[in-house]
Amino acid sequence: MNMNRFEIDKFLTHVEASDAEVLSYVADPAQYVQSWTDRGAAARVPVPDGGRLSREAAAALGAVDYATLYRMGAHPYVLWHFAEAALVWAGELTWPELKEQFREAVLADGNPDFTT
């Protein structure tokens, strides 16, 4: 299993699961990612590499770049709910806008490969 994928999904699930975390994330995504890394939140579930996000993953999370996260193997269901919470629930986009943008952003990459 790709550990970076695991860490991305863990981060997405953590943020999306709590209104307070969504609001904290939306206030400053890049700072939230840095804080997540600094406080060791990424290592709450023991993993062989210590629970570290790659630079590319951290940058994509900090930019709410769901297209890059999808290409990196983020679970589509988890990623969709994260994007919905961060962009629709927090008020940046309407649900139909996100639906169209998300579809266009990931369509070129097809279905993710969960075998690596």
Protein backbone atom coordinates (compact mmCIF):
# COMPACT_ATOMS: atom_id res chain seq x y z
CA MET A 1 0.00 0.00 0.00
CA ASN A 2 1.17 3.49 -0.81
CA MET A 3 1.71 5.11 2.61
CA ASN A 4 1.27 8.59 1.21
CA ARG A 5 -2.19 7.58 -0.03
CA PHE A 6 -2.97 6.29 3.44
CA GLU A 7 -1.86 9.57 5.02
CA ILE A 8 -3.86 11.63 2.54
CA ASP A 9 -7.02 9.64 3.22
CA LYS A 10 -6.41 9.87 6.97
CA PHE A 11 -6.05 13.66 6.71
CA LEU A 12 -9.16 14.03 4.53
CA THR A 13 -11.24 11.88 6.87
CA HIS A 14 -10.02 13.76 9.94
CA VAL A 15 -10.94 17.17 8.53
CA GLU A 16 -14.28 16.12 7.04
CA ALA A 17 -15.46 14.35 10.19
CA SER A 18 -15.77 17.50 12.31
CA ASP A 19 -17.38 20.88 11.64
CA ALA A 20 -14.74 22.53 13.83
CA GLU A 21 -11.92 20.91 11.86
CA VAL A 22 -13.49 21.94 8.54
CA LEU A 23 -13.75 25.55 9.72
CA SER A 24 -10.18 25.51 11.01
CA TYR A 25 -8.94 24.01 7.74
CA VAL A 26 -10.91 26.44 5.54
CA ALA A 27 -9.62 29.45 7.49
CA ASP A 28 -6.06 28.71 6.29
CA PRO A 29 -5.55 25.37 4.53
CA ALA A 30 -1.78 25.64 4.18
CA GLN A 31 -1.35 26.52 7.86
CA TYR A 32 -3.69 23.72 8.88
CA VAL A 33 -1.59 21.19 6.95
CA GLN A 34 1.58 22.52 8.57
CA SER A 35 -0.03 22.38 12.01
CA TRP A 36 -1.22 18.80 11.33
CA THR A 37 2.35 17.83 10.52
CA ASP A 38 3.92 19.78 13.39
CA ARG A 39 1.65 18.45 16.12
CA GLY A 40 2.12 14.86 15.02
CA ALA A 41 -1.55 14.41 14.15
CA ALA A 42 -0.51 12.47 11.09
CA ALA A 43 1.08 9.80 13.28
CA ARG A 44 -1.98 9.07 15.46
CA VAL A 45 -2.38 5.75 13.68
CA PRO A 46 0.97 3.93 13.64
CA VAL A 47 2.34 3.34 10.16
CA PRO A 48 5.75 2.09 9.01
CA ASP A 49 7.01 5.48 7.75
CA GLY A 50 5.88 7.39 10.83
CA GLY A 51 2.91 9.00 9.13
CA ARG A 52 4.52 11.67 6.99
CA LEU A 53 2.89 13.47 4.09
CA SER A 54 5.06 13.99 1.03
CA ARG A 55 5.76 17.58 0.00
CA GLU A 56 3.50 17.12 -3.01
CA ALA A 57 0.64 15.82 -0.85
CA ALA A 58 1.06 18.62 1.69
CA ALA A 59 1.05 21.22 -1.10
CA ALA A 60 -2.08 19.71 -2.68
CA LEU A 61 -3.86 19.59 0.68
CA GLY A 62 -2.83 23.16 1.42
CA ALA A 63 -4.23 24.32 -1.93
CA VAL A 64 -7.43 22.22 -1.78
CA ASP A 65 -6.19 20.70 -5.04
CA TYR A 66 -8.50 17.73 -5.32
CA ALA A 67 -7.34 16.95 -8.88
CA THR A 68 -3.77 16.33 -7.69
CA LEU A 69 -4.99 14.42 -4.64
CA TYR A 70 -7.08 12.20 -6.92
CA ARG A 71 -4.06 11.54 -9.16
CA MET A 72 -2.06 10.68 -6.05
CA GLY A 73 -4.61 8.00 -5.19
CA ALA A 74 -6.87 9.64 -2.62
CA HIS A 75 -9.96 7.53 -2.21
CA PRO A 76 -12.62 9.10 -4.48
CA TYR A 77 -15.43 8.84 -1.93
CA VAL A 78 -13.37 10.32 0.88
CA LEU A 79 -11.98 13.02 -1.41
CA TRP A 80 -15.45 14.00 -2.64
CA HIS A 81 -16.78 14.42 0.90
CA PHE A 82 -13.72 16.40 1.91
CA ALA A 83 -14.12 18.72 -1.10
CA GLU A 84 -17.82 19.06 -0.40
CA ALA A 85 -17.16 20.03 3.23
CA ALA A 86 -14.25 22.37 2.47
CA LEU A 87 -15.75 24.09 -0.56
CA VAL A 88 -19.55 23.81 -0.40
CA TRP A 89 -20.35 23.59 3.29
CA ALA A 90 -17.88 26.38 4.02
CA GLY A 91 -19.49 28.50 1.31
CA GLU A 92 -16.96 28.90 -1.52
CA LEU A 93 -18.92 26.96 -4.16
CA THR A 94 -22.44 25.70 -4.69
CA TRP A 95 -22.95 21.96 -4.86
CA PRO A 96 -23.63 22.01 -8.65
CA GLU A 97 -20.48 24.11 -9.21
CA LEU A 98 -18.33 21.68 -7.23
CA LYS A 99 -19.90 18.70 -8.96
CA GLU A 100 -19.01 20.09 -12.39
CA GLN A 101 -15.51 21.29 -11.42
CA PHE A 102 -14.68 18.04 -9.61
CA ARG A 103 -15.89 15.93 -12.54
CA GLU A 104 -13.86 17.94 -15.04
CA ALA A 105 -10.76 17.88 -12.83
CA VAL A 106 -10.68 14.10 -12.37
CA LEU A 107 -12.23 12.88 -15.62
CA ALA A 108 -8.95 12.91 -17.54
CA ASP A 109 -7.36 10.60 -14.95
CA GLY A 110 -10.04 7.92 -15.16
CA ASN A 111 -10.41 5.48 -12.32
CA PRO A 112 -7.68 5.36 -9.68
CA ASP A 113 -5.47 2.30 -9.46
CA PHE A 114 -5.83 0.86 -5.97
CA THR A 115 -3.37 -1.96 -6.56
CA THR A 116 -0.21 0.07 -5.81
